[in-house]
C-alpha atoms as a PDB file:
ATOM      1  CA  MET A   1       5.875  -8.662  10.532  1.00  0.00           C
ATOM      2  CA  ARG A   2       3.126 -10.030   8.338  1.00  0.00           C
ATOM      3  CA  ARG A   3       4.135 -11.148   4.858  1.00  0.00           C
ATOM      4  CA  HIS A   4       2.027  -9.604   2.108  1.00  0.00           C
ATOM      5  CA  ASN A   5       1.048 -11.630  -0.929  1.00  0.00           C
ATOM      6  CA  LEU A   6       2.858  -9.501  -3.463  1.00  0.00           C
ATOM      7  CA  GLU A   7       1.737 -11.607  -6.415  1.00  0.00           C
ATOM      8  CA  GLU A   8      -1.917 -10.677  -5.960  1.00  0.00           C
ATOM      9  CA  SER A   9      -1.921  -7.258  -4.348  1.00  0.00           C
ATOM     10  CA  TYR A  10       0.913  -5.391  -5.973  1.00  0.00           C
ATOM     11  CA  SER A  11       1.226  -6.559  -9.530  1.00  0.00           C
ATOM     12  CA  ILE A  12       3.341  -4.425 -11.811  1.00  0.00           C
ATOM     13  CA  ALA A  13       1.928  -3.720 -15.251  1.00  0.00           C
ATOM     14  CA  LEU A  14       4.603  -3.661 -17.923  1.00  0.00           C
ATOM     15  CA  THR A  15       4.027  -1.765 -21.139  1.00  0.00           C
ATOM     16  CA  SER A  16       5.397  -3.186 -24.371  1.00  0.00           C
ATOM     17  CA  LYS A  17       7.949  -0.350 -24.354  1.00  0.00           C
ATOM     18  CA  ARG A  18       9.091  -1.263 -20.831  1.00  0.00           C
ATOM     19  CA  ILE A  19       9.320  -4.949 -21.786  1.00  0.00           C
ATOM     20  CA  ARG A  20      11.654  -3.995 -24.658  1.00  0.00           C
ATOM     21  CA  GLU A  21      13.705  -1.799 -22.315  1.00  0.00           C
ATOM     22  CA  LEU A  22      14.107  -4.753 -19.934  1.00  0.00           C
ATOM     23  CA  GLU A  23      15.535  -7.104 -22.560  1.00  0.00           C
ATOM     24  CA  GLU A  24      18.948  -8.498 -21.632  1.00  0.00           C
ATOM     25  CA  ASP A  25      20.752  -6.880 -24.587  1.00  0.00           C
ATOM     26  CA  ASN A  26      19.220  -3.476 -23.913  1.00  0.00           C
ATOM     27  CA  ILE A  27      20.254  -3.502 -20.236  1.00  0.00           C
ATOM     28  CA  ARG A  28      23.800  -4.487 -21.238  1.00  0.00           C
ATOM     29  CA  LYS A  29      23.907  -1.678 -23.837  1.00  0.00           C
ATOM     30  CA  ILE A  30      22.743   0.909 -21.289  1.00  0.00           C
ATOM     31  CA  ALA A  31      25.314  -0.305 -18.763  1.00  0.00           C
ATOM     32  CA  HIS A  32      28.134  -0.270 -21.311  1.00  0.00           C
ATOM     33  CA  ALA A  33      27.207   3.147 -22.727  1.00  0.00           C
ATOM     34  CA  ARG A  34      27.060   4.745 -19.273  1.00  0.00           C
ATOM     35  CA  GLY A  35      29.962   2.829 -17.751  1.00  0.00           C
ATOM     36  CA  ILE A  36      27.802   1.425 -14.953  1.00  0.00           C
ATOM     37  CA  SER A  37      26.857  -2.041 -13.753  1.00  0.00           C
ATOM     38  CA  GLU A  38      23.898  -3.865 -15.255  1.00  0.00           C
ATOM     39  CA  GLU A  39      22.098  -3.588 -11.909  1.00  0.00           C
ATOM     40  CA  GLU A  40      22.564   0.198 -11.986  1.00  0.00           C
ATOM     41  CA  ALA A  41      21.257   0.285 -15.553  1.00  0.00           C
ATOM     42  CA  LEU A  42      18.169  -1.624 -14.440  1.00  0.00           C
ATOM     43  CA  PHE A  43      17.765   0.669 -11.439  1.00  0.00           C
ATOM     44  CA  SER A  44      17.875   3.702 -13.758  1.00  0.00           C
ATOM     45  CA  LEU A  45      14.664   2.389 -15.339  1.00  0.00           C
ATOM     46  CA  MET A  46      13.087   2.015 -11.898  1.00  0.00           C
ATOM     47  CA  LYS A  47      13.966   5.537 -10.755  1.00  0.00           C
ATOM     48  CA  SER A  48      11.469   7.052 -13.175  1.00  0.00           C
ATOM     49  CA  GLN A  49       8.571   5.333 -11.389  1.00  0.00           C
ATOM     50  CA  PRO A  50       6.668   7.481  -8.843  1.00  0.00           C
ATOM     51  CA  CYS A  51       6.642   4.710  -6.238  1.00  0.00           C
ATOM     52  CA  MET A  52      10.450   4.424  -6.385  1.00  0.00           C
ATOM     53  CA  PHE A  53      10.764   8.177  -6.026  1.00  0.00           C
ATOM     54  CA  GLY A  54       8.505   8.035  -2.958  1.00  0.00           C
ATOM     55  CA  ALA A  55      10.452   5.173  -1.405  1.00  0.00           C
ATOM     56  CA  MET A  56      13.819   6.836  -2.048  1.00  0.00           C
ATOM     57  CA  SER A  57      12.497  10.072  -0.553  1.00  0.00           C
ATOM     58  CA  ASP A  58      11.685   8.177   2.636  1.00  0.00           C
ATOM     59  CA  TRP A  59      15.058   6.397   2.895  1.00  0.00           C
ATOM     60  CA  ASP A  60      18.262   6.921   0.879  1.00  0.00           C
ATOM     61  CA  ASP A  61      19.148   3.286   1.590  1.00  0.00           C
ATOM     62  CA  ILE A  62      16.327   2.033  -0.657  1.00  0.00           C
ATOM     63  CA  ARG A  63      18.698   2.436  -3.627  1.00  0.00           C
ATOM     64  CA  SER A  64      21.602   0.429  -2.183  1.00  0.00           C
ATOM     65  CA  ILE A  65      19.298  -2.291  -0.834  1.00  0.00           C
ATOM     66  CA  SER A  66      17.495  -2.571  -4.177  1.00  0.00           C
ATOM     67  CA  LEU A  67      20.815  -2.800  -6.045  1.00  0.00           C
ATOM     68  CA  ALA A  68      22.029  -5.512  -3.662  1.00  0.00           C
ATOM     69  CA  VAL A  69      18.794  -7.472  -4.131  1.00  0.00           C
ATOM     70  CA  MET A  70      19.160  -7.193  -7.913  1.00  0.00           C
ATOM     71  CA  HIS A  71      22.711  -8.509  -7.632  1.00  0.00           C
ATOM     72  CA  GLU A  72      21.473 -11.454  -5.549  1.00  0.00           C
ATOM     73  CA  LEU A  73      18.698 -12.240  -8.043  1.00  0.00           C
ATOM     74  CA  ARG A  74      20.743 -11.938 -11.230  1.00  0.00           C
ATOM     75  CA  PRO A  75      21.936 -15.571 -11.428  1.00  0.00           C
ATOM     76  CA  TYR A  76      18.358 -16.787 -10.964  1.00  0.00           C
ATOM     77  CA  GLN A  77      16.081 -14.420 -12.870  1.00  0.00           C
ATOM     78  CA  SER A  78      15.816 -12.320 -16.013  1.00  0.00           C
ATOM     79  CA  TYR A  79      16.015  -8.536 -15.827  1.00  0.00           C
ATOM     80  CA  GLN A  80      12.276  -8.352 -16.403  1.00  0.00           C
ATOM     81  CA  ASP A  81      11.581 -10.694 -13.469  1.00  0.00           C
ATOM     82  CA  ILE A  82      14.025  -8.784 -11.265  1.00  0.00           C
ATOM     83  CA  TYR A  83      12.361  -5.501 -12.206  1.00  0.00           C
ATOM     84  CA  VAL A  84       8.930  -6.883 -11.306  1.00  0.00           C
ATOM     85  CA  PHE A  85      10.217  -8.383  -8.034  1.00  0.00           C
ATOM     86  CA  VAL A  86      11.860  -5.180  -6.792  1.00  0.00           C
ATOM     87  CA  MET A  87       9.085  -2.882  -8.012  1.00  0.00           C
ATOM     88  CA  ARG A  88       6.414  -4.968  -6.258  1.00  0.00           C
ATOM     89  CA  VAL A  89       8.176  -4.491  -2.938  1.00  0.00           C
ATOM     90  CA  VAL A  90       8.774  -0.799  -3.643  1.00  0.00           C
ATOM     91  CA  ASN A  91       5.121  -0.354  -4.645  1.00  0.00           C
ATOM     92  CA  LEU A  92       4.012  -2.050  -1.413  1.00  0.00           C
ATOM     93  CA  TYR A  93       6.380   0.160   0.568  1.00  0.00           C
ATOM     94  CA  ASP A  94       5.172   3.336  -1.131  1.00  0.00           C
ATOM     95  CA  THR A  95       1.438   2.635  -1.042  1.00  0.00           C
ATOM     96  CA  GLN A  96       1.110   0.836   2.288  1.00  0.00           C
ATOM     97  CA  ILE A  97       4.087   1.467   4.520  1.00  0.00           C
ATOM     98  CA  ILE A  98       4.855   5.113   3.755  1.00  0.00           C
ATOM     99  CA  SER A  99       1.332   6.331   3.017  1.00  0.00           C
ATOM    100  CA  VAL A 100      -0.808   4.276   5.386  1.00  0.00           C
ATOM    101  CA  LEU A 101       1.612   3.488   8.189  1.00  0.00           C
ATOM    102  CA  ARG A 102       3.372   6.865   8.307  1.00  0.00           C
ATOM    103  CA  THR A 103       2.943   6.854  12.078  1.00  0.00           C
ATOM    104  CA  PHE A 104       5.521   4.065  12.280  1.00  0.00           C
ATOM    105  CA  SER A 105       9.048   5.126  13.115  1.00  0.00           C
ATOM    106  CA  ASP A 106      11.484   5.638  10.246  1.00  0.00           C
ATOM    107  CA  VAL A 107      13.452   2.568  11.289  1.00  0.00           C
ATOM    108  CA  ARG A 108      10.336   0.401  11.470  1.00  0.00           C
ATOM    109  CA  ARG A 109       9.333   1.436   7.948  1.00  0.00           C
ATOM    110  CA  LEU A 110      12.794   0.499   6.645  1.00  0.00           C
ATOM    111  CA  ALA A 111      12.597  -2.802   8.558  1.00  0.00           C
ATOM    112  CA  TYR A 112       9.356  -3.640   6.711  1.00  0.00           C
ATOM    113  CA  PHE A 113      11.040  -2.952   3.379  1.00  0.00           C
ATOM    114  CA  VAL A 114      14.046  -5.126   4.230  1.00  0.00           C
ATOM    115  CA  HIS A 115      11.769  -7.866   5.593  1.00  0.00           C
ATOM    116  CA  GLU A 116       9.808  -8.031   2.330  1.00  0.00           C
ATOM    117  CA  MET A 117      13.024  -8.200   0.292  1.00  0.00           C
ATOM    118  CA  ILE A 118      14.469 -10.976   2.476  1.00  0.00           C
ATOM    119  CA  GLU A 119      11.298 -13.058   2.397  1.00  0.00           C
ATOM    120  CA  GLY A 120      10.929 -12.584  -1.352  1.00  0.00           C
ATOM    121  CA  LEU A 121      14.492 -13.743  -1.977  1.00  0.00           C
ATOM    122  CA  LEU A 122      14.057 -16.801   0.230  1.00  0.00           C
ATOM    123  CA  GLU A 123      10.904 -17.771  -1.678  1.00  0.00           C
ATOM    124  CA  ILE A 124      13.132 -18.606  -4.654  1.00  0.00           C
ATOM    125  CA  PRO A 125      13.994 -22.278  -3.993  1.00  0.00           C
ATOM    126  CA  LEU A 126      17.249 -22.357  -5.971  1.00  0.00           C
ATOM    127  CA  TYR A 127      18.470 -19.156  -4.311  1.00  0.00           C
ATOM    128  CA  GLN A 128      17.686 -20.542  -0.866  1.00  0.00           C
ATOM    129  CA  THR A 129      19.377 -23.881  -1.616  1.00  0.00           C
ATOM    130  CA  ASN A 130      22.515 -22.297  -3.082  1.00  0.00           C
ATOM    131  CA  LEU A 131      22.769 -19.797  -0.228  1.00  0.00           C
ATOM    132  CA  ALA A 132      22.509 -22.594   2.340  1.00  0.00           C
ATOM    133  CA  LYS A 133      25.164 -24.597   0.488  1.00  0.00           C
ATOM    134  CA  GLU A 134      27.513 -21.601   0.213  1.00  0.00           C
ATOM    135  CA  TYR A 135      27.330 -20.927   3.958  1.00  0.00           C
ATOM    136  CA  GLY A 136      27.176 -24.554   5.082  1.00  0.00           C
ATOM    137  CA  VAL A 137      23.787 -24.319   6.784  1.00  0.00           C
ATOM    138  CA  SER A 138      20.541 -26.217   6.410  1.00  0.00           C
ATOM    139  CA  PRO A 139      18.159 -24.845   3.750  1.00  0.00           C
ATOM    140  CA  ASP A 140      15.405 -25.354   6.328  1.00  0.00           C
ATOM    141  CA  ASP A 141      17.024 -23.050   8.898  1.00  0.00           C
ATOM    142  CA  LYS A 142      15.107 -19.932   7.909  1.00  0.00           C
ATOM    143  CA  ILE A 143      16.307 -17.724  10.733  1.00  0.00           C
ATOM    144  CA  ILE A 144      19.989 -18.217   9.853  1.00  0.00           C
ATOM    145  CA  LEU A 145      19.249 -17.733   6.149  1.00  0.00           C
ATOM    146  CA  ARG A 146      17.325 -14.526   6.931  1.00  0.00           C
ATOM    147  CA  GLY A 147      20.369 -13.255   8.836  1.00  0.00           C
ATOM    148  CA  ILE A 148      22.692 -14.138   5.978  1.00  0.00           C
ATOM    149  CA  VAL A 149      20.472 -12.364   3.435  1.00  0.00           C
ATOM    150  CA  LEU A 150      20.196  -9.358   5.768  1.00  0.00           C
ATOM    151  CA  ASN A 151      23.992  -9.207   5.830  1.00  0.00           C
ATOM    152  CA  ARG A 152      24.208  -9.479   2.031  1.00  0.00           C
ATOM    153  CA  ILE A 153      21.636  -6.816   1.115  1.00  0.00           C
ATOM    154  CA  THR A 154      22.147  -4.141   3.787  1.00  0.00           C
ATOM    155  CA  SER A 155      25.098  -1.978   4.699  1.00  0.00           C
ATOM    156  CA  PRO A 156      26.774  -2.156   8.120  1.00  0.00           C
ATOM    157  CA  GLU A 157      25.205   1.243   8.854  1.00  0.00           C
ATOM    158  CA  VAL A 158      21.681  -0.048   8.214  1.00  0.00           C
ATOM    159  CA  ARG A 159      22.303  -3.149  10.341  1.00  0.00           C
ATOM    160  CA  LYS A 160      23.621  -0.935  13.154  1.00  0.00           C
ATOM    161  CA  LEU A 161      20.545   1.253  12.844  1.00  0.00           C
ATOM    162  CA  PHE A 162      18.341  -1.822  13.320  1.00  0.00           C
ATOM    163  CA  GLN A 163      20.475  -3.018  16.238  1.00  0.00           C
ATOM    164  CA  ASP A 164      20.463   0.361  18.005  1.00  0.00           C
ATOM    165  CA  ASP A 165      16.715   0.900  17.639  1.00  0.00           C
ATOM    166  CA  ARG A 166      14.817   0.050  20.813  1.00  0.00           C
ATOM    167  CA  SER A 167      12.813  -2.552  18.880  1.00  0.00           C
ATOM    168  CA  ARG A 168      16.076  -4.217  17.746  1.00  0.00           C
ATOM    169  CA  TYR A 169      14.849  -5.411  14.376  1.00  0.00           C
ATOM    170  CA  PHE A 170      16.400  -8.605  12.994  1.00  0.00           C
ATOM    171  CA  ARG A 171      18.182  -9.249  16.301  1.00  0.00           C
ATOM    172  CA  ALA A 172      17.565 -13.018  16.292  1.00  0.00           C
ATOM    173  CA  GLU A 173      18.510 -13.318  12.623  1.00  0.00           C
ATOM    174  CA  SER A 174      21.756 -11.405  13.095  1.00  0.00           C
ATOM    175  CA  PHE A 175      22.712 -13.402  16.170  1.00  0.00           C
ATOM    176  CA  CYS A 176      21.922 -16.800  14.647  1.00  0.00           C
ATOM    177  CA  ALA A 177      23.755 -16.038  11.396  1.00  0.00           C
ATOM    178  CA  MET A 178      26.874 -14.670  13.087  1.00  0.00           C
ATOM    179  CA  GLU A 179      28.685 -18.023  13.258  1.00  0.00           C
ATOM    180  CA  ALA A 180      27.832 -19.010   9.664  1.00  0.00           C
ATOM    181  CA  LEU A 181      29.013 -15.610   8.408  1.00  0.00           C
ATOM    182  CA  GLN A 182      32.279 -15.894  10.358  1.00  0.00           C
ATOM    183  CA  HIS A 183      33.002 -19.404   9.034  1.00  0.00           C
ATOM    184  CA  HIS A 184      32.244 -18.221   5.490  1.00  0.00           C
ATOM    185  CA  ARG A 185      34.698 -15.303   5.834  1.00  0.00           C
ATOM    186  CA  GLU A 186      37.373 -17.654   7.186  1.00  0.00           C
ATOM    187  CA  ARG A 187      36.879 -20.081   4.263  1.00  0.00           C
ATOM    188  CA  GLN A 188      37.137 -17.207   1.778  1.00  0.00           C
ATOM    189  CA  LEU A 189      40.368 -15.979   3.380  1.00  0.00           C
ATOM    190  CA  ALA A 190      41.836 -19.487   3.386  1.00  0.00           C
ATOM    191  CA  THR A 191      41.097 -19.997  -0.315  1.00  0.00           C
ATOM    192  CA  SER A 192      42.395 -16.554  -1.328  1.00  0.00           C
ATOM    193  CA  VAL A 193      45.828 -17.154   0.198  1.00  0.00           C
END
């Protein structure tokens, strides 16, 4: 899958009102008032955008994947930066993948969305370094890191969907990351006892 330059092609224009809505304190207030997580509060601002509506109409999983990506990004970026990051990928998905490439299978369209999210996350050097450290792998081993991110941002059902599709999306990533994921689970269990 070809990586799109999201910075140039799919910039997200933020109005002064939206910039105020994306301030840290405002997101916290929304979350507290509604009894939801800060990621869900941020997502509530995204849902009003036509491109997000289009993407969610194509796949219900867009919501859970977007929330997981926001959770991954939170230690590294502001809410405004997270909003722009996620909305760029959603805008790409809505304008190019759904509209232009509608002839692609449903699973292939979702695979493009997940691919863009994974690549975008791994373009953040500190995220990539910390992820590699957490799982005990080399920060240069992109295929294992892609598999780890895939595991962190998608549900088991989505991963099974990719595995069962005849194109077997993310097969190499899932296979290569399997050992690192298992060792990580074992370390977590050992420290929780």
